[in-house]
Amino acid sequence: MRSPSRHGFAIIFELKIAETIDGLKEACEKGLRQIDERGYAKELAEDGYRQIRKYAVAFYKKDCEVMCPEDKEQIFDKDC
């Protein structure tokens, strides 16, 4: 059992490696699906966290892309 913070805020990061630069978005989408399919947020909610943010981060060499499920759009796309 995890001990929630005073504020009850948690962040989940799922990291993926893309095989090509064009595969960054697909890798992010795969990461978000994995968070949902494996129930990472559910576990944290059961532990008392009230606010949970989910992010998928995909890397291809020195490029990266970040995506969150709230907008399913890329947040960040540049050299990391």
C-alpha atoms as a PDB file:
ATOM      1  CA  MET A   1       0.000   0.000   0.000  1.00  0.00           C
ATOM      2  CA  ARG A   2       1.286   3.417  -0.938  1.00  0.00           C
ATOM      3  CA  SER A   3       0.932   6.377   1.370  1.00  0.00           C
ATOM      4  CA  PRO A   4      -0.780   9.223  -0.516  1.00  0.00           C
ATOM      5  CA  SER A   5       0.632  12.698  -0.322  1.00  0.00           C
ATOM      6  CA  ARG A   6      -1.122  15.415   1.639  1.00  0.00           C
ATOM      7  CA  HIS A   7      -2.559  16.756  -1.582  1.00  0.00           C
ATOM      8  CA  GLY A   8      -3.608  13.407  -3.051  1.00  0.00           C
ATOM      9  CA  PHE A   9      -1.994  14.149  -6.432  1.00  0.00           C
ATOM     10  CA  ALA A  10      -0.249  11.481  -8.522  1.00  0.00           C
ATOM     11  CA  ILE A  11       1.338  11.399 -11.961  1.00  0.00           C
ATOM     12  CA  ILE A  12       1.734   8.266 -14.064  1.00  0.00           C
ATOM     13  CA  PHE A  13       4.382   8.214 -16.795  1.00  0.00           C
ATOM     14  CA  GLU A  14       4.563   5.420 -19.367  1.00  0.00           C
ATOM     15  CA  LEU A  15       7.755   5.526 -21.431  1.00  0.00           C
ATOM     16  CA  LYS A  16       8.021   3.982 -24.883  1.00  0.00           C
ATOM     17  CA  ILE A  17      10.683   3.752 -27.578  1.00  0.00           C
ATOM     18  CA  ALA A  18       9.501   4.295 -31.151  1.00  0.00           C
ATOM     19  CA  GLU A  19      11.125   2.442 -34.012  1.00  0.00           C
ATOM     20  CA  THR A  20      10.951   5.495 -36.304  1.00  0.00           C
ATOM     21  CA  ILE A  21      10.389   9.207 -35.901  1.00  0.00           C
ATOM     22  CA  ASP A  22       7.016   8.790 -37.597  1.00  0.00           C
ATOM     23  CA  GLY A  23       6.101   6.225 -34.943  1.00  0.00           C
ATOM     24  CA  LEU A  24       6.268   8.665 -32.007  1.00  0.00           C
ATOM     25  CA  LYS A  25       2.538   9.428 -31.913  1.00  0.00           C
ATOM     26  CA  GLU A  26       1.590   5.751 -32.209  1.00  0.00           C
ATOM     27  CA  ALA A  27       4.015   4.860 -29.395  1.00  0.00           C
ATOM     28  CA  CYS A  28       2.423   7.520 -27.167  1.00  0.00           C
ATOM     29  CA  GLU A  29      -1.050   6.179 -27.911  1.00  0.00           C
ATOM     30  CA  LYS A  30       0.181   2.684 -27.048  1.00  0.00           C
ATOM     31  CA  GLY A  31       1.550   3.993 -23.752  1.00  0.00           C
ATOM     32  CA  LEU A  32      -1.785   5.608 -22.822  1.00  0.00           C
ATOM     33  CA  ARG A  33      -3.634   2.378 -23.672  1.00  0.00           C
ATOM     34  CA  GLN A  34      -1.223   0.445 -21.468  1.00  0.00           C
ATOM     35  CA  ILE A  35      -1.900   2.753 -18.505  1.00  0.00           C
ATOM     36  CA  ASP A  36      -5.635   2.109 -18.876  1.00  0.00           C
ATOM     37  CA  GLU A  37      -5.416  -1.618 -19.642  1.00  0.00           C
ATOM     38  CA  ARG A  38      -3.181  -2.341 -16.666  1.00  0.00           C
ATOM     39  CA  GLY A  39      -5.251  -0.221 -14.289  1.00  0.00           C
ATOM     40  CA  TYR A  40      -2.410   1.936 -12.968  1.00  0.00           C
ATOM     41  CA  ALA A  41      -4.744   4.857 -12.168  1.00  0.00           C
ATOM     42  CA  LYS A  42      -7.290   2.582 -10.505  1.00  0.00           C
ATOM     43  CA  GLU A  43      -4.664   1.293  -8.092  1.00  0.00           C
ATOM     44  CA  LEU A  44      -3.664   4.823  -7.138  1.00  0.00           C
ATOM     45  CA  ALA A  45      -7.294   5.895  -6.696  1.00  0.00           C
ATOM     46  CA  GLU A  46      -7.856   2.924  -4.395  1.00  0.00           C
ATOM     47  CA  ASP A  47      -4.822   4.071  -2.398  1.00  0.00           C
ATOM     48  CA  GLY A  48      -6.449   7.461  -1.813  1.00  0.00           C
ATOM     49  CA  TYR A  49      -5.102   9.659  -4.572  1.00  0.00           C
ATOM     50  CA  ARG A  50      -7.794  12.098  -5.718  1.00  0.00           C
ATOM     51  CA  GLN A  51      -6.102  13.677  -8.729  1.00  0.00           C
ATOM     52  CA  ILE A  52      -4.259  11.460 -11.177  1.00  0.00           C
ATOM     53  CA  ARG A  53      -2.620  12.687 -14.374  1.00  0.00           C
ATOM     54  CA  LYS A  54      -1.481  10.242 -17.049  1.00  0.00           C
ATOM     55  CA  TYR A  55       1.277  10.895 -19.586  1.00  0.00           C
ATOM     56  CA  ALA A  56       2.862   8.764 -22.276  1.00  0.00           C
ATOM     57  CA  VAL A  57       6.337   9.730 -23.421  1.00  0.00           C
ATOM     58  CA  ALA A  58       7.810   8.258 -26.602  1.00  0.00           C
ATOM     59  CA  PHE A  59      11.427   8.547 -27.670  1.00  0.00           C
ATOM     60  CA  TYR A  60      13.169   8.085 -30.979  1.00  0.00           C
ATOM     61  CA  LYS A  61      16.870   8.779 -30.730  1.00  0.00           C
ATOM     62  CA  LYS A  62      17.029  12.372 -29.417  1.00  0.00           C
ATOM     63  CA  ASP A  63      13.438  13.243 -30.324  1.00  0.00           C
ATOM     64  CA  CYS A  64      10.486  12.761 -28.036  1.00  0.00           C
ATOM     65  CA  GLU A  65       6.759  13.318 -27.879  1.00  0.00           C
ATOM     66  CA  VAL A  66       4.509  13.601 -24.823  1.00  0.00           C
ATOM     67  CA  MET A  67       0.786  12.915 -24.834  1.00  0.00           C
ATOM     68  CA  CYS A  68      -1.963  12.926 -22.218  1.00  0.00           C
ATOM     69  CA  PRO A  69      -5.425  11.351 -22.565  1.00  0.00           C
ATOM     70  CA  GLU A  70      -7.313  14.565 -21.815  1.00  0.00           C
ATOM     71  CA  ASP A  71      -6.683  15.866 -25.294  1.00  0.00           C
ATOM     72  CA  LYS A  72      -5.003  12.924 -27.079  1.00  0.00           C
ATOM     73  CA  GLU A  73      -2.821  15.517 -28.756  1.00  0.00           C
ATOM     74  CA  GLN A  74       0.891  15.856 -28.621  1.00  0.00           C
ATOM     75  CA  ILE A  75       2.053  18.176 -25.892  1.00  0.00           C
ATOM     76  CA  PHE A  76       5.744  18.341 -26.660  1.00  0.00           C
ATOM     77  CA  ASP A  77       7.672  17.375 -29.734  1.00  0.00           C
ATOM     78  CA  LYS A  78      11.321  18.355 -30.092  1.00  0.00           C
ATOM     79  CA  ASP A  79      14.808  17.265 -29.252  1.00  0.00           C
ATOM     80  CA  CYS A  80      14.917  16.125 -25.646  1.00  0.00           C
END
